[in-house]
Amino acid sequence: MRDQDLVRLLQKDPDSGLQAALRGYGPLIKAVLVRILPRDPRDVEECMADVLVALWRCAGQLERQKTPLRPWLIVTARNCGIDRYHSLRRHAALSLDAELGQTLGELAEFDRAASDAADLAGALVAAMDPPDREIFLRKYYLLETSKEIAAALDMSEGAVNTRLSRGRERLRRQLQQKGVGSHA
């Protein structure tokens, strides 16, 4: 089912729309959340429900803006998982490499400063060229290692890291052009 058809279905028949969204995007949402919340499956399930409710609530806006669902759902799931993680401080600290921590920190700070930050970040990621977009999504949203990405995309680890570096720099420039300054 195409994204726009799914968004329309969510508005006309929320039950059928949510079931279709779960069938089409449930594994992706779960994969994002399991990387962030690996300890308790109930936390993952609750966050999945929160992401689907957010999708239902934002369906009209997503349709008007013709927002691609995959990046929007990845960003929304990631933000939900991070928020849940922070509320469950009793767990061990989430191990993030320094660059990812800085990037997530910048995006999280921007997310709280502007209500449409997730849409903007998702749109910027979705606008990247295909190999860079896939690498960026896998690294910063699905939390895969450079080695895992290289194996999945049949590239060298060095090529993945170079594309990540260039992608981060492009994203920073685009965010600055949109009026978002560096928060580092």
C-alpha atoms as a PDB file:
ATOM      1  CA  MET A   1       0.000   0.000   0.000  1.00  0.00           C
ATOM      2  CA  ARG A   2       1.343   3.441  -0.934  1.00  0.00           C
ATOM      3  CA  ASP A   3       1.997   5.958   1.822  1.00  0.00           C
ATOM      4  CA  GLN A   4      -0.695   8.392   0.704  1.00  0.00           C
ATOM      5  CA  ASP A   5      -3.273   5.591   0.492  1.00  0.00           C
ATOM      6  CA  LEU A   6      -2.356   4.451   4.002  1.00  0.00           C
ATOM      7  CA  VAL A   7      -2.643   7.995   5.363  1.00  0.00           C
ATOM      8  CA  ARG A   8      -6.080   8.408   3.779  1.00  0.00           C
ATOM      9  CA  LEU A   9      -7.195   5.053   5.184  1.00  0.00           C
ATOM     10  CA  LEU A  10      -6.053   6.132   8.653  1.00  0.00           C
ATOM     11  CA  GLN A  11      -8.279   9.185   8.397  1.00  0.00           C
ATOM     12  CA  LYS A  12     -11.334   7.374   7.006  1.00  0.00           C
ATOM     13  CA  ASP A  13     -11.121   4.087   8.914  1.00  0.00           C
ATOM     14  CA  PRO A  14      -8.595   4.318  11.776  1.00  0.00           C
ATOM     15  CA  ASP A  15      -8.891   0.633  12.776  1.00  0.00           C
ATOM     16  CA  SER A  16      -8.160  -0.672   9.274  1.00  0.00           C
ATOM     17  CA  GLY A  17      -5.517   2.005   8.757  1.00  0.00           C
ATOM     18  CA  LEU A  18      -3.684   1.122  11.954  1.00  0.00           C
ATOM     19  CA  GLN A  19      -3.797  -2.578  11.077  1.00  0.00           C
ATOM     20  CA  ALA A  20      -2.368  -1.824   7.628  1.00  0.00           C
ATOM     21  CA  ALA A  21       0.316   0.406   9.144  1.00  0.00           C
ATOM     22  CA  LEU A  22       1.262  -2.319  11.603  1.00  0.00           C
ATOM     23  CA  ARG A  23       1.482  -4.897   8.792  1.00  0.00           C
ATOM     24  CA  GLY A  24       3.510  -2.615   6.544  1.00  0.00           C
ATOM     25  CA  TYR A  25       5.730  -0.825   9.025  1.00  0.00           C
ATOM     26  CA  GLY A  26       5.510  -2.819  12.275  1.00  0.00           C
ATOM     27  CA  PRO A  27       8.783  -4.732  11.738  1.00  0.00           C
ATOM     28  CA  LEU A  28      10.651  -1.506  10.940  1.00  0.00           C
ATOM     29  CA  ILE A  29       9.291   0.306  14.006  1.00  0.00           C
ATOM     30  CA  LYS A  30      10.093  -2.691  16.195  1.00  0.00           C
ATOM     31  CA  ALA A  31      13.648  -2.916  14.811  1.00  0.00           C
ATOM     32  CA  VAL A  32      14.293   0.719  15.751  1.00  0.00           C
ATOM     33  CA  LEU A  33      12.849   0.304  19.233  1.00  0.00           C
ATOM     34  CA  VAL A  34      14.589  -2.989  20.007  1.00  0.00           C
ATOM     35  CA  ARG A  35      17.947  -1.319  19.380  1.00  0.00           C
ATOM     36  CA  ILE A  36      17.117   1.383  21.922  1.00  0.00           C
ATOM     37  CA  LEU A  37      15.049  -0.652  24.418  1.00  0.00           C
ATOM     38  CA  PRO A  38      16.514  -4.170  24.323  1.00  0.00           C
ATOM     39  CA  ARG A  39      15.668  -5.215  27.899  1.00  0.00           C
ATOM     40  CA  ASP A  40      11.896  -5.459  28.162  1.00  0.00           C
ATOM     41  CA  PRO A  41       9.621  -6.360  25.226  1.00  0.00           C
ATOM     42  CA  ARG A  42       6.716  -4.623  26.980  1.00  0.00           C
ATOM     43  CA  ASP A  43       8.514  -1.285  26.611  1.00  0.00           C
ATOM     44  CA  VAL A  44       8.945  -1.951  22.884  1.00  0.00           C
ATOM     45  CA  GLU A  45       5.256  -2.865  22.498  1.00  0.00           C
ATOM     46  CA  GLU A  46       4.131   0.233  24.379  1.00  0.00           C
ATOM     47  CA  CYS A  47       6.368   2.477  22.271  1.00  0.00           C
ATOM     48  CA  MET A  48       5.097   0.800  19.087  1.00  0.00           C
ATOM     49  CA  ALA A  49       1.567   1.663  20.169  1.00  0.00           C
ATOM     50  CA  ASP A  50       2.635   5.252  20.872  1.00  0.00           C
ATOM     51  CA  VAL A  51       4.209   5.552  17.408  1.00  0.00           C
ATOM     52  CA  LEU A  52       1.057   4.223  15.724  1.00  0.00           C
ATOM     53  CA  VAL A  53      -1.123   6.627  17.712  1.00  0.00           C
ATOM     54  CA  ALA A  54       1.170   9.480  16.632  1.00  0.00           C
ATOM     55  CA  LEU A  55       0.810   8.306  13.023  1.00  0.00           C
ATOM     56  CA  TRP A  56      -2.976   8.307  13.344  1.00  0.00           C
ATOM     57  CA  ARG A  57      -3.012  11.772  14.964  1.00  0.00           C
ATOM     58  CA  CYS A  58      -0.672  13.264  12.359  1.00  0.00           C
ATOM     59  CA  ALA A  59      -2.273  11.560   9.336  1.00  0.00           C
ATOM     60  CA  GLY A  60      -3.884  14.753   8.029  1.00  0.00           C
ATOM     61  CA  GLN A  61      -0.688  16.768   8.336  1.00  0.00           C
ATOM     62  CA  LEU A  62       1.358  13.977   6.745  1.00  0.00           C
ATOM     63  CA  GLU A  63      -1.040  13.852   3.808  1.00  0.00           C
ATOM     64  CA  ARG A  64      -0.998  17.627   3.292  1.00  0.00           C
ATOM     65  CA  GLN A  65       2.808  17.757   3.393  1.00  0.00           C
ATOM     66  CA  LYS A  66       3.216  14.520   1.379  1.00  0.00           C
ATOM     67  CA  THR A  67       5.670  13.333   4.028  1.00  0.00           C
ATOM     68  CA  PRO A  68       7.282   9.955   3.294  1.00  0.00           C
ATOM     69  CA  LEU A  69       6.173   7.564   6.034  1.00  0.00           C
ATOM     70  CA  ARG A  70       9.284   5.393   6.397  1.00  0.00           C
ATOM     71  CA  PRO A  71      11.662   8.186   7.552  1.00  0.00           C
ATOM     72  CA  TRP A  72       8.905   9.840   9.599  1.00  0.00           C
ATOM     73  CA  LEU A  73       8.145   6.569  11.396  1.00  0.00           C
ATOM     74  CA  ILE A  74      11.832   5.862  12.000  1.00  0.00           C
ATOM     75  CA  VAL A  75      12.383   9.304  13.531  1.00  0.00           C
ATOM     76  CA  THR A  76       9.185   9.077  15.581  1.00  0.00           C
ATOM     77  CA  ALA A  77      10.052   5.569  16.830  1.00  0.00           C
ATOM     78  CA  ARG A  78      13.575   6.653  17.679  1.00  0.00           C
ATOM     79  CA  ASN A  79      12.331   9.689  19.614  1.00  0.00           C
ATOM     80  CA  CYS A  80       9.725   7.608  21.446  1.00  0.00           C
ATOM     81  CA  GLY A  81      12.332   4.973  22.320  1.00  0.00           C
ATOM     82  CA  ILE A  82      14.801   7.576  23.570  1.00  0.00           C
ATOM     83  CA  ASP A  83      12.104   9.265  25.651  1.00  0.00           C
ATOM     84  CA  ARG A  84      11.121   5.900  27.145  1.00  0.00           C
ATOM     85  CA  TYR A  85      14.760   5.051  27.786  1.00  0.00           C
ATOM     86  CA  HIS A  86      15.269   8.290  29.687  1.00  0.00           C
ATOM     87  CA  SER A  87      12.193   7.592  31.794  1.00  0.00           C
ATOM     88  CA  LEU A  88      13.640   4.167  32.699  1.00  0.00           C
ATOM     89  CA  ARG A  89      16.906   5.442  34.157  1.00  0.00           C
ATOM     90  CA  ARG A  90      17.286   2.306  36.264  1.00  0.00           C
ATOM     91  CA  HIS A  91      18.689   0.489  33.222  1.00  0.00           C
ATOM     92  CA  ALA A  92      22.368   0.615  32.298  1.00  0.00           C
ATOM     93  CA  ALA A  93      23.418   3.547  30.141  1.00  0.00           C
ATOM     94  CA  LEU A  94      22.709   3.160  26.448  1.00  0.00           C
ATOM     95  CA  SER A  95      26.042   2.802  24.654  1.00  0.00           C
ATOM     96  CA  LEU A  96      26.217   5.286  21.823  1.00  0.00           C
ATOM     97  CA  ASP A  97      29.342   6.253  19.968  1.00  0.00           C
ATOM     98  CA  ALA A  98      30.359   9.888  20.435  1.00  0.00           C
ATOM     99  CA  GLU A  99      29.278  11.077  16.981  1.00  0.00           C
ATOM    100  CA  LEU A 100      25.857   9.443  17.264  1.00  0.00           C
ATOM    101  CA  GLY A 101      25.389  10.854  20.764  1.00  0.00           C
ATOM    102  CA  GLN A 102      26.217  14.351  19.549  1.00  0.00           C
ATOM    103  CA  THR A 103      23.946  14.062  16.498  1.00  0.00           C
ATOM    104  CA  LEU A 104      21.066  12.644  18.561  1.00  0.00           C
ATOM    105  CA  GLY A 105      21.602  15.373  21.142  1.00  0.00           C
ATOM    106  CA  GLU A 106      21.441  18.084  18.501  1.00  0.00           C
ATOM    107  CA  LEU A 107      18.339  16.586  16.912  1.00  0.00           C
ATOM    108  CA  ALA A 108      16.668  15.948  20.280  1.00  0.00           C
ATOM    109  CA  GLU A 109      17.274  19.532  21.365  1.00  0.00           C
ATOM    110  CA  PHE A 110      15.850  20.765  18.068  1.00  0.00           C
ATOM    111  CA  ASP A 111      12.909  18.335  18.418  1.00  0.00           C
ATOM    112  CA  ARG A 112      11.926  20.002  21.665  1.00  0.00           C
ATOM    113  CA  ALA A 113      12.426  23.513  20.259  1.00  0.00           C
ATOM    114  CA  ALA A 114      10.137  23.064  17.240  1.00  0.00           C
ATOM    115  CA  SER A 115       7.078  20.850  16.984  1.00  0.00           C
ATOM    116  CA  ASP A 116       7.793  19.855  13.380  1.00  0.00           C
ATOM    117  CA  ALA A 117      11.454  18.932  13.926  1.00  0.00           C
ATOM    118  CA  ALA A 118      10.844  15.215  13.373  1.00  0.00           C
ATOM    119  CA  ASP A 119       9.177  16.016  10.052  1.00  0.00           C
ATOM    120  CA  LEU A 120      12.087  18.266   9.043  1.00  0.00           C
ATOM    121  CA  ALA A 121      14.751  15.720  10.004  1.00  0.00           C
ATOM    122  CA  GLY A 122      12.818  12.936   8.288  1.00  0.00           C
ATOM    123  CA  ALA A 123      12.386  15.022   5.157  1.00  0.00           C
ATOM    124  CA  LEU A 124      16.093  15.915   5.068  1.00  0.00           C
ATOM    125  CA  VAL A 125      17.080  12.273   5.484  1.00  0.00           C
ATOM    126  CA  ALA A 126      14.513  11.174   2.890  1.00  0.00           C
ATOM    127  CA  ALA A 127      15.946  13.714   0.436  1.00  0.00           C
ATOM    128  CA  MET A 128      19.437  12.191   0.604  1.00  0.00           C
ATOM    129  CA  ASP A 129      20.645  10.168  -2.380  1.00  0.00           C
ATOM    130  CA  PRO A 130      19.800   6.446  -2.057  1.00  0.00           C
ATOM    131  CA  PRO A 131      23.078   4.972  -0.798  1.00  0.00           C
ATOM    132  CA  ASP A 132      23.627   7.830   1.643  1.00  0.00           C
ATOM    133  CA  ARG A 133      20.021   7.772   2.840  1.00  0.00           C
ATOM    134  CA  GLU A 134      20.152   4.039   3.538  1.00  0.00           C
ATOM    135  CA  ILE A 135      23.509   4.316   5.310  1.00  0.00           C
ATOM    136  CA  PHE A 136      22.311   7.257   7.411  1.00  0.00           C
ATOM    137  CA  LEU A 137      19.061   5.528   8.398  1.00  0.00           C
ATOM    138  CA  ARG A 138      20.867   2.311   9.299  1.00  0.00           C
ATOM    139  CA  LYS A 139      23.546   4.081  11.378  1.00  0.00           C
ATOM    140  CA  TYR A 140      21.640   6.799  13.207  1.00  0.00           C
ATOM    141  CA  TYR A 141      18.109   5.467  13.368  1.00  0.00           C
ATOM    142  CA  LEU A 142      18.465   1.683  13.296  1.00  0.00           C
ATOM    143  CA  LEU A 143      21.732   1.979  15.293  1.00  0.00           C
ATOM    144  CA  GLU A 144      23.668  -0.501  13.153  1.00  0.00           C
ATOM    145  CA  THR A 145      27.466  -0.467  13.233  1.00  0.00           C
ATOM    146  CA  SER A 146      29.494   0.638  10.231  1.00  0.00           C
ATOM    147  CA  LYS A 147      30.646  -2.951   9.836  1.00  0.00           C
ATOM    148  CA  GLU A 148      27.028  -4.224   9.735  1.00  0.00           C
ATOM    149  CA  ILE A 149      26.082  -1.550   7.199  1.00  0.00           C
ATOM    150  CA  ALA A 150      29.093  -2.324   5.012  1.00  0.00           C
ATOM    151  CA  ALA A 151      28.201  -6.013   4.968  1.00  0.00           C
ATOM    152  CA  ALA A 152      24.522  -5.336   4.201  1.00  0.00           C
ATOM    153  CA  LEU A 153      25.271  -2.913   1.363  1.00  0.00           C
ATOM    154  CA  ASP A 154      28.333  -4.713  -0.026  1.00  0.00           C
ATOM    155  CA  MET A 155      30.642  -1.751   0.624  1.00  0.00           C
ATOM    156  CA  SER A 156      33.854  -1.271   2.547  1.00  0.00           C
ATOM    157  CA  GLU A 157      33.639  -0.011   6.111  1.00  0.00           C
ATOM    158  CA  GLY A 158      35.784   2.986   5.127  1.00  0.00           C
ATOM    159  CA  ALA A 159      33.353   3.932   2.361  1.00  0.00           C
ATOM    160  CA  VAL A 160      30.463   3.742   4.828  1.00  0.00           C
ATOM    161  CA  ASN A 161      32.296   5.983   7.323  1.00  0.00           C
ATOM    162  CA  THR A 162      33.185   8.506   4.600  1.00  0.00           C
ATOM    163  CA  ARG A 163      29.562   8.682   3.437  1.00  0.00           C
ATOM    164  CA  LEU A 164      28.406   9.078   7.059  1.00  0.00           C
ATOM    165  CA  SER A 165      30.811  11.957   7.622  1.00  0.00           C
ATOM    166  CA  ARG A 166      29.725  13.739   4.455  1.00  0.00           C
ATOM    167  CA  GLY A 167      26.054  13.066   5.219  1.00  0.00           C
ATOM    168  CA  ARG A 168      26.352  14.545   8.721  1.00  0.00           C
ATOM    169  CA  GLU A 169      28.006  17.652   7.329  1.00  0.00           C
ATOM    170  CA  ARG A 170      25.272  18.068   4.675  1.00  0.00           C
ATOM    171  CA  LEU A 171      22.575  17.596   7.332  1.00  0.00           C
ATOM    172  CA  ARG A 172      24.202  20.207   9.597  1.00  0.00           C
ATOM    173  CA  ARG A 173      24.377  22.700   6.708  1.00  0.00           C
ATOM    174  CA  GLN A 174      20.752  22.049   5.756  1.00  0.00           C
ATOM    175  CA  LEU A 175      19.588  22.461   9.352  1.00  0.00           C
ATOM    176  CA  GLN A 176      21.525  25.729   9.609  1.00  0.00           C
ATOM    177  CA  GLN A 177      19.952  26.928   6.359  1.00  0.00           C
ATOM    178  CA  LYS A 178      16.542  26.152   7.882  1.00  0.00           C
ATOM    179  CA  GLY A 179      17.432  28.358  10.861  1.00  0.00           C
ATOM    180  CA  VAL A 180      18.595  25.668  13.253  1.00  0.00           C
ATOM    181  CA  GLY A 181      21.963  26.556  14.781  1.00  0.00           C
ATOM    182  CA  SER A 182      24.506  24.123  16.178  1.00  0.00           C
ATOM    183  CA  HIS A 183      23.748  23.155  19.772  1.00  0.00           C
ATOM    184  CA  ALA A 184      27.010  21.346  20.425  1.00  0.00           C
END
